[in-house]
């Protein structure tokens, strides 16, 4: 090998090592996965129909899940389900369609959940809860992948649990949510 070939190989090797070091530094600083913020809430009572005699009601809730992605990478998630509980019993569920949350963006995922009134009314707490508000809890897990620089794919999961109080006489509601987001490296 000539001296010129050795110099070219040395320069190419140095550039490749420098690029690898630069990519590793960027990955652990700028592109380091950050925890997205996820909240869910009953934003609207889409339909409520309540009668005292005979005692019946129908209830459909509009639920929104808001995910703020602070990363320089998109979050691609698969389909999921949101489940609504009343005193521990499942009273409704609805699908959440698959989608993508782009880098450094906030996306709102909306769905409607029809509540199974017969299950709610079968609860021993229903009659006392009607006047003070019906307490529902909701749970959903959204699984997906964070894709960094089109090369690094990390599994990520958002678990969101909410407590909502719904007043069927006034068709109003309030919600409090807790979320946990995990990125597996």
C-alpha atoms as a PDB file:
ATOM      1  CA  UNK A   1       0.000   0.000   0.000  1.00  0.00           C
ATOM      2  CA  UNK A   2       1.211   3.456  -0.835  1.00  0.00           C
ATOM      3  CA  UNK A   3       1.494   6.326   1.613  1.00  0.00           C
ATOM      4  CA  UNK A   4      -1.348   8.085  -0.194  1.00  0.00           C
ATOM      5  CA  UNK A   5      -3.696   5.086   0.280  1.00  0.00           C
ATOM      6  CA  UNK A   6      -2.813   4.900   3.973  1.00  0.00           C
ATOM      7  CA  UNK A   7      -3.563   8.642   4.393  1.00  0.00           C
ATOM      8  CA  UNK A   8      -6.948   8.296   2.631  1.00  0.00           C
ATOM      9  CA  UNK A   9      -7.904   5.246   4.735  1.00  0.00           C
ATOM     10  CA  UNK A  10      -6.846   7.075   7.907  1.00  0.00           C
ATOM     11  CA  UNK A  11      -8.904  10.154   7.003  1.00  0.00           C
ATOM     12  CA  UNK A  12     -11.976   8.079   6.091  1.00  0.00           C
ATOM     13  CA  UNK A  13     -11.656   6.090   9.343  1.00  0.00           C
ATOM     14  CA  UNK A  14     -11.302   9.298  11.379  1.00  0.00           C
ATOM     15  CA  UNK A  15     -14.376  10.840   9.706  1.00  0.00           C
ATOM     16  CA  UNK A  16     -16.458   7.703  10.319  1.00  0.00           C
ATOM     17  CA  UNK A  17     -15.382   7.584  13.995  1.00  0.00           C
ATOM     18  CA  UNK A  18     -16.140  11.300  14.338  1.00  0.00           C
ATOM     19  CA  UNK A  19     -19.629  10.819  12.822  1.00  0.00           C
ATOM     20  CA  UNK A  20     -20.362   7.881  15.133  1.00  0.00           C
ATOM     21  CA  UNK A  21     -19.240   9.878  18.183  1.00  0.00           C
ATOM     22  CA  UNK A  22     -21.324  12.856  17.021  1.00  0.00           C
ATOM     23  CA  UNK A  23     -24.436  10.669  16.549  1.00  0.00           C
ATOM     24  CA  UNK A  24     -23.986   9.098  19.989  1.00  0.00           C
ATOM     25  CA  UNK A  25     -23.592  12.524  21.609  1.00  0.00           C
ATOM     26  CA  UNK A  26     -26.677  13.833  19.795  1.00  0.00           C
ATOM     27  CA  UNK A  27     -28.683  10.728  20.756  1.00  0.00           C
ATOM     28  CA  UNK A  28     -27.912  11.156  24.460  1.00  0.00           C
ATOM     29  CA  UNK A  29     -28.424  14.940  24.496  1.00  0.00           C
ATOM     30  CA  UNK A  30     -30.685  16.538  21.905  1.00  0.00           C
ATOM     31  CA  UNK A  31     -32.455  13.381  20.722  1.00  0.00           C
ATOM     32  CA  UNK A  32     -32.698  11.758  24.160  1.00  0.00           C
ATOM     33  CA  UNK A  33     -36.308  10.561  24.543  1.00  0.00           C
ATOM     34  CA  UNK A  34     -38.284  12.810  26.872  1.00  0.00           C
ATOM     35  CA  UNK A  35     -41.487  11.842  28.602  1.00  0.00           C
ATOM     36  CA  UNK A  36     -44.554  13.063  26.674  1.00  0.00           C
ATOM     37  CA  UNK A  37     -47.443  14.515  28.643  1.00  0.00           C
ATOM     38  CA  UNK A  38     -50.721  12.631  28.328  1.00  0.00           C
ATOM     39  CA  UNK A  39     -54.103  13.610  29.755  1.00  0.00           C
ATOM     40  CA  UNK A  40     -57.597  12.361  29.171  1.00  0.00           C
ATOM     41  CA  UNK A  41     -60.913  13.864  30.094  1.00  0.00           C
ATOM     42  CA  UNK A  42     -64.628  13.642  29.581  1.00  0.00           C
ATOM     43  CA  UNK A  43     -64.985  16.833  27.599  1.00  0.00           C
ATOM     44  CA  UNK A  44     -68.619  16.632  26.777  1.00  0.00           C
ATOM     45  CA  UNK A  45     -71.754  14.730  27.490  1.00  0.00           C
ATOM     46  CA  UNK A  46     -72.889  13.997  23.958  1.00  0.00           C
ATOM     47  CA  UNK A  47     -76.222  12.529  24.916  1.00  0.00           C
ATOM     48  CA  UNK A  48     -78.125  12.228  28.168  1.00  0.00           C
ATOM     49  CA  UNK A  49     -81.674  11.085  28.621  1.00  0.00           C
ATOM     50  CA  UNK A  50     -82.926  10.658  32.185  1.00  0.00           C
ATOM     51  CA  UNK A  51     -86.432   9.923  33.479  1.00  0.00           C
ATOM     52  CA  UNK A  52     -87.542   9.215  37.029  1.00  0.00           C
ATOM     53  CA  UNK A  53     -90.729   7.270  36.246  1.00  0.00           C
ATOM     54  CA  UNK A  54     -89.887   4.716  35.088  1.00  0.00           C
ATOM     55  CA  UNK A  55     -86.249   5.096  36.193  1.00  0.00           C
ATOM     56  CA  UNK A  56     -84.174   5.041  32.993  1.00  0.00           C
ATOM     57  CA  UNK A  57     -81.261   6.880  31.469  1.00  0.00           C
ATOM     58  CA  UNK A  58     -78.978   6.815  28.458  1.00  0.00           C
ATOM     59  CA  UNK A  59     -75.562   8.425  28.482  1.00  0.00           C
ATOM     60  CA  UNK A  60     -72.867   8.912  25.818  1.00  0.00           C
ATOM     61  CA  UNK A  61     -69.591  10.579  26.801  1.00  0.00           C
ATOM     62  CA  UNK A  62     -67.120  12.324  24.506  1.00  0.00           C
ATOM     63  CA  UNK A  63     -63.602  11.511  25.691  1.00  0.00           C
ATOM     64  CA  UNK A  64     -60.441  13.306  24.590  1.00  0.00           C
ATOM     65  CA  UNK A  65     -56.885  12.137  25.105  1.00  0.00           C
ATOM     66  CA  UNK A  66     -54.310  14.881  24.597  1.00  0.00           C
ATOM     67  CA  UNK A  67     -50.674  13.857  24.081  1.00  0.00           C
ATOM     68  CA  UNK A  68     -47.917  16.467  23.926  1.00  0.00           C
ATOM     69  CA  UNK A  69     -44.760  15.052  22.313  1.00  0.00           C
ATOM     70  CA  UNK A  70     -41.687  17.124  23.330  1.00  0.00           C
ATOM     71  CA  UNK A  71     -39.287  14.861  21.437  1.00  0.00           C
ATOM     72  CA  UNK A  72     -37.449  15.439  18.167  1.00  0.00           C
ATOM     73  CA  UNK A  73     -38.954  12.135  17.051  1.00  0.00           C
ATOM     74  CA  UNK A  74     -42.459  11.071  16.143  1.00  0.00           C
ATOM     75  CA  UNK A  75     -44.561   8.643  18.179  1.00  0.00           C
ATOM     76  CA  UNK A  76     -46.432   6.054  16.107  1.00  0.00           C
ATOM     77  CA  UNK A  77     -49.105   4.186  18.067  1.00  0.00           C
ATOM     78  CA  UNK A  78     -51.378   1.269  17.350  1.00  0.00           C
ATOM     79  CA  UNK A  79     -55.087   0.933  17.979  1.00  0.00           C
ATOM     80  CA  UNK A  80     -56.232   0.729  21.579  1.00  0.00           C
ATOM     81  CA  UNK A  81     -59.336   0.770  23.772  1.00  0.00           C
ATOM     82  CA  UNK A  82     -60.600   3.109  26.442  1.00  0.00           C
ATOM     83  CA  UNK A  83     -62.601   1.445  29.204  1.00  0.00           C
ATOM     84  CA  UNK A  84     -65.033   3.215  31.552  1.00  0.00           C
ATOM     85  CA  UNK A  85     -65.800   1.839  35.033  1.00  0.00           C
ATOM     86  CA  UNK A  86     -68.525   2.629  37.568  1.00  0.00           C
ATOM     87  CA  UNK A  87     -67.678   1.394  41.071  1.00  0.00           C
ATOM     88  CA  UNK A  88     -65.262  -1.140  39.579  1.00  0.00           C
ATOM     89  CA  UNK A  89     -67.657  -2.567  36.962  1.00  0.00           C
ATOM     90  CA  UNK A  90     -67.041  -2.058  33.243  1.00  0.00           C
ATOM     91  CA  UNK A  91     -69.883   0.080  31.893  1.00  0.00           C
ATOM     92  CA  UNK A  92     -68.480   1.154  28.531  1.00  0.00           C
ATOM     93  CA  UNK A  93     -65.579   0.927  26.140  1.00  0.00           C
ATOM     94  CA  UNK A  94     -64.609   2.389  22.803  1.00  0.00           C
ATOM     95  CA  UNK A  95     -61.800   1.934  20.284  1.00  0.00           C
ATOM     96  CA  UNK A  96     -58.975   4.396  19.783  1.00  0.00           C
ATOM     97  CA  UNK A  97     -57.705   4.416  16.209  1.00  0.00           C
ATOM     98  CA  UNK A  98     -54.014   4.030  15.397  1.00  0.00           C
ATOM     99  CA  UNK A  99     -52.134   7.170  14.470  1.00  0.00           C
ATOM    100  CA  UNK A 100     -48.988   9.274  14.607  1.00  0.00           C
ATOM    101  CA  UNK A 101     -47.966  12.173  16.826  1.00  0.00           C
ATOM    102  CA  UNK A 102     -45.315  14.179  15.031  1.00  0.00           C
ATOM    103  CA  UNK A 103     -42.172  15.537  16.646  1.00  0.00           C
ATOM    104  CA  UNK A 104     -42.691  18.445  19.048  1.00  0.00           C
ATOM    105  CA  UNK A 105     -46.458  18.528  18.431  1.00  0.00           C
ATOM    106  CA  UNK A 106     -49.605  18.090  20.500  1.00  0.00           C
ATOM    107  CA  UNK A 107     -52.352  15.822  19.202  1.00  0.00           C
ATOM    108  CA  UNK A 108     -55.887  15.220  20.429  1.00  0.00           C
ATOM    109  CA  UNK A 109     -57.386  11.763  20.120  1.00  0.00           C
ATOM    110  CA  UNK A 110     -61.191  11.798  20.403  1.00  0.00           C
ATOM    111  CA  UNK A 111     -63.721   9.025  20.846  1.00  0.00           C
ATOM    112  CA  UNK A 112     -67.277   8.522  22.106  1.00  0.00           C
ATOM    113  CA  UNK A 113     -68.219   6.002  24.771  1.00  0.00           C
ATOM    114  CA  UNK A 114     -71.785   4.791  25.165  1.00  0.00           C
ATOM    115  CA  UNK A 115     -72.409   3.952  28.809  1.00  0.00           C
ATOM    116  CA  UNK A 116     -74.342   0.744  29.560  1.00  0.00           C
ATOM    117  CA  UNK A 117     -77.060   2.298  31.689  1.00  0.00           C
ATOM    118  CA  UNK A 118     -78.384  -1.067  32.889  1.00  0.00           C
ATOM    119  CA  UNK A 119     -75.041  -1.826  34.566  1.00  0.00           C
ATOM    120  CA  UNK A 120     -74.860   1.613  36.163  1.00  0.00           C
ATOM    121  CA  UNK A 121     -78.435   1.396  37.455  1.00  0.00           C
ATOM    122  CA  UNK A 122     -77.795  -2.126  38.816  1.00  0.00           C
ATOM    123  CA  UNK A 123     -75.175  -0.741  41.203  1.00  0.00           C
ATOM    124  CA  UNK A 124     -76.285  -0.298  44.805  1.00  0.00           C
ATOM    125  CA  UNK A 125     -74.680   3.181  44.743  1.00  0.00           C
ATOM    126  CA  UNK A 126     -76.653   4.499  41.784  1.00  0.00           C
ATOM    127  CA  UNK A 127     -79.620   6.044  43.639  1.00  0.00           C
ATOM    128  CA  UNK A 128     -77.431   7.932  46.109  1.00  0.00           C
ATOM    129  CA  UNK A 129     -74.956   8.991  43.383  1.00  0.00           C
ATOM    130  CA  UNK A 130     -77.555  10.502  41.037  1.00  0.00           C
ATOM    131  CA  UNK A 131     -77.924  13.687  43.089  1.00  0.00           C
ATOM    132  CA  UNK A 132     -74.218  14.164  43.937  1.00  0.00           C
ATOM    133  CA  UNK A 133     -72.850  13.065  40.559  1.00  0.00           C
ATOM    134  CA  UNK A 134     -71.926   9.716  39.066  1.00  0.00           C
ATOM    135  CA  UNK A 135     -68.254   8.863  39.570  1.00  0.00           C
ATOM    136  CA  UNK A 136     -66.682   7.082  36.611  1.00  0.00           C
ATOM    137  CA  UNK A 137     -63.089   5.987  36.175  1.00  0.00           C
ATOM    138  CA  UNK A 138     -61.457   5.402  32.824  1.00  0.00           C
ATOM    139  CA  UNK A 139     -58.349   3.566  31.807  1.00  0.00           C
ATOM    140  CA  UNK A 140     -56.448   3.296  28.553  1.00  0.00           C
ATOM    141  CA  UNK A 141     -53.007   2.168  27.469  1.00  0.00           C
ATOM    142  CA  UNK A 142     -51.544   3.372  24.194  1.00  0.00           C
ATOM    143  CA  UNK A 143     -48.571   1.393  22.905  1.00  0.00           C
ATOM    144  CA  UNK A 144     -46.314   2.542  20.109  1.00  0.00           C
ATOM    145  CA  UNK A 145     -42.816   3.331  18.910  1.00  0.00           C
ATOM    146  CA  UNK A 146     -40.645   6.407  19.090  1.00  0.00           C
ATOM    147  CA  UNK A 147     -38.578   6.651  15.891  1.00  0.00           C
ATOM    148  CA  UNK A 148     -35.399   8.736  16.170  1.00  0.00           C
ATOM    149  CA  UNK A 149     -33.517   9.784  13.025  1.00  0.00           C
ATOM    150  CA  UNK A 150     -35.321   7.041  11.161  1.00  0.00           C
ATOM    151  CA  UNK A 151     -32.846   4.542  12.647  1.00  0.00           C
ATOM    152  CA  UNK A 152     -33.522   4.114  16.352  1.00  0.00           C
ATOM    153  CA  UNK A 153     -36.888   2.582  17.242  1.00  0.00           C
ATOM    154  CA  UNK A 154     -37.853   2.486  20.906  1.00  0.00           C
ATOM    155  CA  UNK A 155     -41.012   0.933  22.351  1.00  0.00           C
ATOM    156  CA  UNK A 156     -43.128   3.429  24.278  1.00  0.00           C
ATOM    157  CA  UNK A 157     -46.310   3.065  26.298  1.00  0.00           C
ATOM    158  CA  UNK A 158     -48.718   5.639  27.756  1.00  0.00           C
ATOM    159  CA  UNK A 159     -51.081   4.600  30.543  1.00  0.00           C
ATOM    160  CA  UNK A 160     -53.786   7.113  31.382  1.00  0.00           C
ATOM    161  CA  UNK A 161     -56.272   6.787  34.246  1.00  0.00           C
ATOM    162  CA  UNK A 162     -58.962   9.350  34.997  1.00  0.00           C
ATOM    163  CA  UNK A 163     -61.692   9.944  37.513  1.00  0.00           C
ATOM    164  CA  UNK A 164     -64.714  11.827  36.196  1.00  0.00           C
ATOM    165  CA  UNK A 165     -67.822  13.027  37.955  1.00  0.00           C
ATOM    166  CA  UNK A 166     -70.902  13.392  35.737  1.00  0.00           C
ATOM    167  CA  UNK A 167     -74.052  15.240  36.791  1.00  0.00           C
ATOM    168  CA  UNK A 168     -76.801  13.887  34.571  1.00  0.00           C
ATOM    169  CA  UNK A 169     -79.406  16.480  35.633  1.00  0.00           C
ATOM    170  CA  UNK A 170     -77.248  19.408  34.460  1.00  0.00           C
ATOM    171  CA  UNK A 171     -75.303  17.481  31.765  1.00  0.00           C
ATOM    172  CA  UNK A 172     -71.936  18.662  33.155  1.00  0.00           C
ATOM    173  CA  UNK A 173     -68.766  16.876  34.202  1.00  0.00           C
ATOM    174  CA  UNK A 174     -65.310  17.289  35.753  1.00  0.00           C
ATOM    175  CA  UNK A 175     -62.221  15.106  35.337  1.00  0.00           C
ATOM    176  CA  UNK A 176     -58.891  14.481  37.046  1.00  0.00           C
ATOM    177  CA  UNK A 177     -56.258  12.368  35.288  1.00  0.00           C
ATOM    178  CA  UNK A 178     -52.935  10.719  35.986  1.00  0.00           C
ATOM    179  CA  UNK A 179     -50.658   9.561  33.217  1.00  0.00           C
ATOM    180  CA  UNK A 180     -47.505   7.525  33.019  1.00  0.00           C
ATOM    181  CA  UNK A 181     -45.339   7.314  29.928  1.00  0.00           C
ATOM    182  CA  UNK A 182     -42.534   4.782  29.597  1.00  0.00           C
ATOM    183  CA  UNK A 183     -39.889   4.590  26.908  1.00  0.00           C
ATOM    184  CA  UNK A 184     -38.022   1.298  26.864  1.00  0.00           C
ATOM    185  CA  UNK A 185     -34.479   1.586  25.630  1.00  0.00           C
END
